[in-house]
Amino acid sequence: MALNRKLTPILSGRIIQAIRREETLLWIDFADGSQMKVKISVPASSEAPTSSEALASSEAPASSEVLATSVAPTKAESFETRSVKRVRQTGPAMTIDFEDGSSLEIALAEATSSVMLRDKDRVLEYAD
């Protein structure tokens, strides 16, 4: 997966404060007050679970967790306080790598026009 050369320098070093899901959006809040909105894919054949429902059970390596269609509170909480190292993306697949060696995989709705980052004053920092 290729390094996202625009988003990596912007997010590198930021610490995740919270992750939540609303329908087809994933919100990632950072400790510095910035917020990233990510449009995520939802399978056409099933109803999308809400953030209060359990994450579909699938075994993934301990260092990588996948958030494709839902975020359960326990999964989202496991990323809190992690510091971003880099962001990789190939097509509609995005991976956020953390300083501790773990990573978060996100299935984007589209290869482009799916990510928007705003700083603490809600000024646009990044959009694709």
N, C-alpha and C. Protein backbone atom coordinates (compact mmCIF):
# COMPACT_ATOMS: atom_id res chain seq x y z
N MET A 1 0.85 -1.17 0.00
CA MET A 1 0.00 0.00 0.00
C MET A 1 0.90 1.24 0.00
N ALA A 2 0.57 2.20 -0.83
CA ALA A 2 1.40 3.40 -1.01
C ALA A 2 1.18 4.43 0.10
N LEU A 3 2.23 5.13 0.43
CA LEU A 3 2.17 6.19 1.42
C LEU A 3 1.32 7.34 0.88
N ASN A 4 0.42 7.86 1.69
CA ASN A 4 -0.34 9.03 1.32
C ASN A 4 0.54 10.23 1.68
N ARG A 5 1.23 10.77 0.69
CA ARG A 5 2.24 11.81 0.91
C ARG A 5 1.67 13.16 1.33
N LYS A 6 0.40 13.38 1.10
CA LYS A 6 -0.22 14.65 1.52
C LYS A 6 -0.76 14.55 2.95
N LEU A 7 -1.40 13.45 3.27
CA LEU A 7 -2.04 13.32 4.59
C LEU A 7 -1.06 12.92 5.69
N THR A 8 -0.04 12.13 5.35
CA THR A 8 0.93 11.68 6.37
C THR A 8 1.60 12.83 7.12
N PRO A 9 2.17 13.83 6.46
CA PRO A 9 2.82 14.90 7.23
C PRO A 9 1.84 15.72 8.07
N ILE A 10 0.58 15.77 7.67
CA ILE A 10 -0.42 16.51 8.42
C ILE A 10 -0.82 15.75 9.68
N LEU A 11 -1.01 14.43 9.57
CA LEU A 11 -1.48 13.63 10.71
C LEU A 11 -0.37 13.07 11.59
N SER A 12 0.82 12.97 11.08
CA SER A 12 1.91 12.37 11.84
C SER A 12 2.08 13.05 13.20
N GLY A 13 2.08 12.24 14.25
CA GLY A 13 2.24 12.74 15.61
C GLY A 13 0.94 13.07 16.32
N ARG A 14 -0.16 13.15 15.60
CA ARG A 14 -1.44 13.44 16.25
C ARG A 14 -1.93 12.22 17.01
N ILE A 15 -2.58 12.47 18.11
CA ILE A 15 -3.06 11.41 18.99
C ILE A 15 -4.57 11.30 18.88
N ILE A 16 -5.05 10.09 18.66
CA ILE A 16 -6.49 9.87 18.56
C ILE A 16 -7.13 10.01 19.93
N GLN A 17 -8.20 10.79 19.96
CA GLN A 17 -8.96 10.97 21.20
C GLN A 17 -10.21 10.11 21.19
N ALA A 18 -10.88 10.03 20.04
CA ALA A 18 -12.11 9.24 19.94
C ALA A 18 -12.38 8.89 18.48
N ILE A 19 -13.08 7.78 18.30
CA ILE A 19 -13.55 7.35 16.98
C ILE A 19 -15.01 6.99 17.14
N ARG A 20 -15.85 7.49 16.23
CA ARG A 20 -17.26 7.12 16.27
C ARG A 20 -17.81 6.99 14.86
N ARG A 21 -18.90 6.27 14.74
CA ARG A 21 -19.51 6.01 13.45
C ARG A 21 -20.93 6.51 13.44
N GLU A 22 -21.30 7.18 12.37
CA GLU A 22 -22.67 7.62 12.13
C GLU A 22 -23.01 7.24 10.70
N GLU A 23 -23.87 6.23 10.55
CA GLU A 23 -24.27 5.77 9.22
C GLU A 23 -23.05 5.41 8.38
N THR A 24 -22.80 6.16 7.32
CA THR A 24 -21.68 5.87 6.42
C THR A 24 -20.49 6.81 6.66
N LEU A 25 -20.45 7.42 7.84
CA LEU A 25 -19.34 8.32 8.18
C LEU A 25 -18.58 7.79 9.38
N LEU A 26 -17.28 7.93 9.33
CA LEU A 26 -16.43 7.61 10.46
C LEU A 26 -15.79 8.93 10.88
N TRP A 27 -15.96 9.29 12.15
CA TRP A 27 -15.39 10.52 12.70
C TRP A 27 -14.21 10.16 13.57
N ILE A 28 -13.06 10.76 13.31
CA ILE A 28 -11.87 10.54 14.13
C ILE A 28 -11.50 11.88 14.74
N ASP A 29 -11.59 11.96 16.07
CA ASP A 29 -11.24 13.16 16.80
C ASP A 29 -9.83 13.01 17.34
N PHE A 30 -9.04 14.08 17.21
CA PHE A 30 -7.67 14.06 17.69
C PHE A 30 -7.54 14.93 18.93
N ALA A 31 -6.52 14.64 19.73
CA ALA A 31 -6.31 15.34 21.01
C ALA A 31 -6.07 16.84 20.81
N ASP A 32 -5.60 17.26 19.64
CA ASP A 32 -5.34 18.69 19.40
C ASP A 32 -6.61 19.44 19.00
N GLY A 33 -7.75 18.75 18.99
CA GLY A 33 -9.02 19.38 18.64
C GLY A 33 -9.41 19.23 17.18
N SER A 34 -8.52 18.72 16.36
CA SER A 34 -8.85 18.52 14.95
C SER A 34 -9.75 17.31 14.79
N GLN A 35 -10.41 17.25 13.65
CA GLN A 35 -11.38 16.18 13.40
C GLN A 35 -11.32 15.75 11.94
N MET A 36 -11.32 14.44 11.73
CA MET A 36 -11.31 13.90 10.38
C MET A 36 -12.62 13.16 10.13
N LYS A 37 -13.26 13.50 9.01
CA LYS A 37 -14.49 12.84 8.59
C LYS A 37 -14.14 11.93 7.43
N VAL A 38 -14.51 10.66 7.54
CA VAL A 38 -14.19 9.68 6.51
C VAL A 38 -15.48 9.02 6.04
N LYS A 39 -15.74 9.07 4.75
CA LYS A 39 -16.88 8.36 4.18
C LYS A 39 -16.45 6.91 3.99
N ILE A 40 -17.19 5.99 4.61
CA ILE A 40 -16.82 4.58 4.56
C ILE A 40 -17.81 3.78 3.73
N SER A 41 -17.35 2.64 3.25
CA SER A 41 -18.20 1.79 2.42
C SER A 41 -19.17 1.00 3.31
N VAL A 42 -20.31 0.73 2.74
CA VAL A 42 -21.33 -0.07 3.42
C VAL A 42 -21.79 -1.12 2.43
N PRO A 43 -21.77 -2.39 2.82
CA PRO A 43 -22.21 -3.43 1.89
C PRO A 43 -23.66 -3.22 1.47
N ALA A 44 -23.93 -3.33 0.19
CA ALA A 44 -25.28 -3.13 -0.33
C ALA A 44 -26.24 -4.22 0.13
N SER A 45 -25.72 -5.40 0.42
CA SER A 45 -26.58 -6.53 0.76
C SER A 45 -27.02 -6.57 2.22
N SER A 46 -26.47 -5.70 3.06
CA SER A 46 -26.86 -5.75 4.47
C SER A 46 -27.10 -4.35 5.00
N GLU A 47 -27.89 -4.31 6.07
CA GLU A 47 -28.14 -3.03 6.73
C GLU A 47 -26.92 -2.67 7.55
N ALA A 48 -26.48 -1.44 7.49
CA ALA A 48 -25.28 -1.00 8.21
C ALA A 48 -25.56 -0.92 9.70
N PRO A 49 -24.73 -1.56 10.53
CA PRO A 49 -24.91 -1.46 11.97
C PRO A 49 -24.53 -0.08 12.47
N THR A 50 -25.09 0.32 13.60
CA THR A 50 -24.74 1.60 14.19
C THR A 50 -23.59 1.42 15.15
N SER A 51 -23.08 2.51 15.68
CA SER A 51 -21.92 2.44 16.57
C SER A 51 -22.22 1.67 17.85
N SER A 52 -23.49 1.52 18.20
CA SER A 52 -23.82 0.81 19.43
C SER A 52 -23.92 -0.71 19.22
N GLU A 53 -23.87 -1.14 17.97
CA GLU A 53 -23.93 -2.57 17.70
C GLU A 53 -22.52 -3.15 17.63
N ALA A 54 -22.44 -4.43 17.87
CA ALA A 54 -21.13 -5.09 17.89
C ALA A 54 -20.51 -5.14 16.50
N LEU A 55 -19.19 -5.05 16.46
CA LEU A 55 -18.43 -5.17 15.23
C LEU A 55 -18.51 -6.61 14.76
N ALA A 56 -18.73 -6.81 13.48
CA ALA A 56 -18.81 -8.16 12.94
C ALA A 56 -17.56 -8.93 13.33
N SER A 57 -17.75 -10.12 13.77
CA SER A 57 -16.63 -10.90 14.29
C SER A 57 -15.80 -11.47 13.16
N SER A 58 -14.58 -10.96 13.04
CA SER A 58 -13.62 -11.52 12.08
C SER A 58 -12.25 -11.40 12.71
N GLU A 59 -11.49 -12.43 12.61
CA GLU A 59 -10.16 -12.44 13.22
C GLU A 59 -9.18 -11.71 12.32
N ALA A 60 -8.47 -10.77 12.89
CA ALA A 60 -7.43 -10.03 12.18
C ALA A 60 -6.17 -10.11 13.01
N PRO A 61 -5.00 -9.91 12.42
CA PRO A 61 -3.78 -9.93 13.19
C PRO A 61 -3.84 -8.91 14.32
N ALA A 62 -3.17 -9.19 15.42
CA ALA A 62 -3.21 -8.32 16.58
C ALA A 62 -2.76 -6.91 16.27
N SER A 63 -1.86 -6.73 15.30
CA SER A 63 -1.34 -5.40 15.01
C SER A 63 -2.20 -4.63 14.01
N SER A 64 -3.28 -5.23 13.52
CA SER A 64 -4.11 -4.56 12.53
C SER A 64 -5.57 -4.84 12.81
N GLU A 65 -6.39 -3.80 12.85
CA GLU A 65 -7.82 -3.97 13.04
C GLU A 65 -8.53 -3.30 11.88
N VAL A 66 -9.64 -3.87 11.44
CA VAL A 66 -10.34 -3.39 10.27
C VAL A 66 -11.65 -2.72 10.67
N LEU A 67 -11.89 -1.53 10.14
CA LEU A 67 -13.15 -0.83 10.33
C LEU A 67 -13.73 -0.60 8.95
N ALA A 68 -14.49 -1.54 8.46
CA ALA A 68 -15.02 -1.40 7.12
C ALA A 68 -16.47 -0.94 7.15
N THR A 69 -17.29 -1.57 7.98
CA THR A 69 -18.70 -1.23 7.96
C THR A 69 -19.24 -0.79 9.31
N SER A 70 -18.48 -0.97 10.38
CA SER A 70 -19.00 -0.56 11.67
C SER A 70 -17.89 -0.33 12.67
N VAL A 71 -18.22 0.40 13.71
CA VAL A 71 -17.28 0.63 14.80
C VAL A 71 -18.02 0.40 16.09
N ALA A 72 -17.67 -0.64 16.79
CA ALA A 72 -18.25 -0.87 18.11
C ALA A 72 -17.46 -0.06 19.11
N PRO A 73 -18.10 0.38 20.19
CA PRO A 73 -17.36 1.18 21.17
C PRO A 73 -16.08 0.52 21.66
N THR A 74 -16.07 -0.79 21.85
CA THR A 74 -14.86 -1.44 22.34
C THR A 74 -13.73 -1.38 21.32
N LYS A 75 -14.04 -1.52 20.05
CA LYS A 75 -13.02 -1.43 19.00
C LYS A 75 -12.51 0.00 18.89
N ALA A 76 -13.42 0.96 18.87
CA ALA A 76 -13.02 2.37 18.73
C ALA A 76 -12.16 2.80 19.91
N GLU A 77 -12.53 2.40 21.11
CA GLU A 77 -11.78 2.78 22.30
C GLU A 77 -10.37 2.23 22.26
N SER A 78 -10.15 1.11 21.56
CA SER A 78 -8.82 0.52 21.53
C SER A 78 -7.81 1.39 20.78
N PHE A 79 -8.28 2.38 20.03
CA PHE A 79 -7.38 3.26 19.30
C PHE A 79 -7.13 4.58 20.01
N GLU A 80 -7.85 4.84 21.07
CA GLU A 80 -7.67 6.09 21.80
C GLU A 80 -6.26 6.15 22.37
N THR A 81 -5.68 7.31 22.34
CA THR A 81 -4.33 7.65 22.82
C THR A 81 -3.21 7.13 21.92
N ARG A 82 -3.53 6.55 20.79
CA ARG A 82 -2.48 6.11 19.88
C ARG A 82 -2.02 7.28 19.02
N SER A 83 -0.73 7.33 18.75
CA SER A 83 -0.13 8.41 17.97
C SER A 83 0.07 7.95 16.52
N VAL A 84 -0.37 8.77 15.59
CA VAL A 84 -0.28 8.44 14.16
C VAL A 84 1.17 8.53 13.69
N LYS A 85 1.59 7.50 12.98
CA LYS A 85 2.93 7.49 12.38
C LYS A 85 2.86 7.87 10.91
N ARG A 86 1.95 7.21 10.18
CA ARG A 86 1.80 7.48 8.74
C ARG A 86 0.44 7.00 8.27
N VAL A 87 0.07 7.45 7.07
CA VAL A 87 -1.18 7.05 6.43
C VAL A 87 -0.83 6.47 5.07
N ARG A 88 -1.38 5.28 4.80
CA ARG A 88 -1.17 4.63 3.51
C ARG A 88 -2.51 4.46 2.84
N GLN A 89 -2.51 4.50 1.49
CA GLN A 89 -3.77 4.34 0.77
C GLN A 89 -3.52 3.80 -0.62
N THR A 90 -4.34 2.85 -0.99
CA THR A 90 -4.38 2.34 -2.35
C THR A 90 -5.85 2.21 -2.71
N GLY A 91 -6.28 3.02 -3.67
CA GLY A 91 -7.69 3.01 -4.06
C GLY A 91 -8.57 3.30 -2.87
N PRO A 92 -9.62 2.49 -2.67
CA PRO A 92 -10.53 2.75 -1.55
C PRO A 92 -10.08 2.12 -0.22
N ALA A 93 -8.85 1.66 -0.13
CA ALA A 93 -8.35 1.08 1.12
C ALA A 93 -7.35 2.04 1.76
N MET A 94 -7.63 2.43 3.00
CA MET A 94 -6.75 3.35 3.74
C MET A 94 -6.31 2.67 5.03
N THR A 95 -5.04 2.85 5.37
CA THR A 95 -4.49 2.31 6.61
C THR A 95 -3.79 3.43 7.36
N ILE A 96 -4.15 3.58 8.63
CA ILE A 96 -3.45 4.52 9.50
C ILE A 96 -2.53 3.68 10.37
N ASP A 97 -1.22 3.91 10.26
CA ASP A 97 -0.23 3.20 11.06
C ASP A 97 0.10 4.06 12.28
N PHE A 98 0.26 3.39 13.43
CA PHE A 98 0.54 4.09 14.68
C PHE A 98 1.97 3.85 15.13
N GLU A 99 2.46 4.73 15.98
CA GLU A 99 3.83 4.65 16.49
C GLU A 99 4.10 3.34 17.22
N ASP A 100 3.06 2.74 17.83
CA ASP A 100 3.26 1.50 18.58
C ASP A 100 3.30 0.25 17.70
N GLY A 101 3.22 0.43 16.36
CA GLY A 101 3.29 -0.69 15.43
C GLY A 101 1.93 -1.23 15.01
N SER A 102 0.87 -0.79 15.64
CA SER A 102 -0.47 -1.23 15.26
C SER A 102 -0.97 -0.40 14.09
N SER A 103 -2.09 -0.80 13.51
CA SER A 103 -2.66 -0.06 12.39
C SER A 103 -4.17 -0.19 12.37
N LEU A 104 -4.80 0.75 11.74
CA LEU A 104 -6.25 0.80 11.58
C LEU A 104 -6.55 0.81 10.09
N GLU A 105 -7.27 -0.19 9.61
CA GLU A 105 -7.62 -0.27 8.20
C GLU A 105 -9.05 0.22 8.03
N ILE A 106 -9.24 1.08 7.03
CA ILE A 106 -10.56 1.66 6.78
C ILE A 106 -10.92 1.45 5.32
N ALA A 107 -12.11 0.92 5.07
CA ALA A 107 -12.61 0.76 3.70
C ALA A 107 -13.37 2.03 3.33
N LEU A 108 -12.77 2.83 2.45
CA LEU A 108 -13.37 4.10 2.04
C LEU A 108 -14.55 3.87 1.10
N ALA A 109 -15.48 4.81 1.08
CA ALA A 109 -16.61 4.73 0.16
C ALA A 109 -16.14 4.83 -1.29
N GLU A 110 -15.17 5.69 -1.53
CA GLU A 110 -14.61 5.91 -2.87
C GLU A 110 -13.11 6.10 -2.73
N ALA A 111 -12.38 5.92 -3.81
CA ALA A 111 -10.93 6.11 -3.78
C ALA A 111 -10.56 7.57 -3.54
N THR A 112 -11.42 8.48 -3.97
CA THR A 112 -11.20 9.91 -3.74
C THR A 112 -12.48 10.52 -3.17
N SER A 113 -12.39 11.74 -2.69
CA SER A 113 -13.54 12.46 -2.13
C SER A 113 -14.15 11.77 -0.92
N SER A 114 -13.33 11.10 -0.13
CA SER A 114 -13.83 10.38 1.04
C SER A 114 -13.27 10.88 2.36
N VAL A 115 -12.24 11.73 2.34
CA VAL A 115 -11.58 12.16 3.58
C VAL A 115 -11.52 13.67 3.65
N MET A 116 -11.93 14.20 4.82
CA MET A 116 -11.83 15.64 5.06
C MET A 116 -11.33 15.85 6.49
N LEU A 117 -10.31 16.69 6.64
CA LEU A 117 -9.71 16.97 7.94
C LEU A 117 -9.80 18.46 8.22
N ARG A 118 -10.31 18.78 9.42
CA ARG A 118 -10.41 20.18 9.84
C ARG A 118 -9.64 20.35 11.15
N ASP A 119 -9.01 21.50 11.32
CA ASP A 119 -8.27 21.77 12.55
C ASP A 119 -9.23 22.14 13.68
N LYS A 120 -8.70 22.49 14.85
CA LYS A 120 -9.54 22.77 16.02
C LYS A 120 -10.48 23.96 15.80
N ASP A 121 -10.12 24.87 14.88
CA ASP A 121 -10.98 26.01 14.57
C ASP A 121 -11.89 25.71 13.39
N ARG A 122 -11.93 24.46 12.95
CA ARG A 122 -12.73 23.94 11.84
C ARG A 122 -12.30 24.50 10.49
N VAL A 123 -11.03 24.92 10.40
CA VAL A 123 -10.46 25.34 9.13
C VAL A 123 -10.00 24.09 8.37
N LEU A 124 -10.34 24.00 7.11
CA LEU A 124 -10.00 22.83 6.30
C LEU A 124 -8.49 22.68 6.19
N GLU A 125 -7.98 21.50 6.55
CA GLU A 125 -6.56 21.19 6.43
C GLU A 125 -6.29 20.25 5.26
N TYR A 126 -7.24 19.36 5.00
CA TYR A 126 -7.03 18.35 3.96
C TYR A 126 -8.38 17.87 3.46
N ALA A 127 -8.48 17.69 2.17
CA ALA A 127 -9.68 17.09 1.55
C ALA A 127 -9.25 16.37 0.30
N ASP A 128 -9.80 15.22 0.10
CA ASP A 128 -9.56 14.52 -1.17
C ASP A 128 -10.85 13.92 -1.63
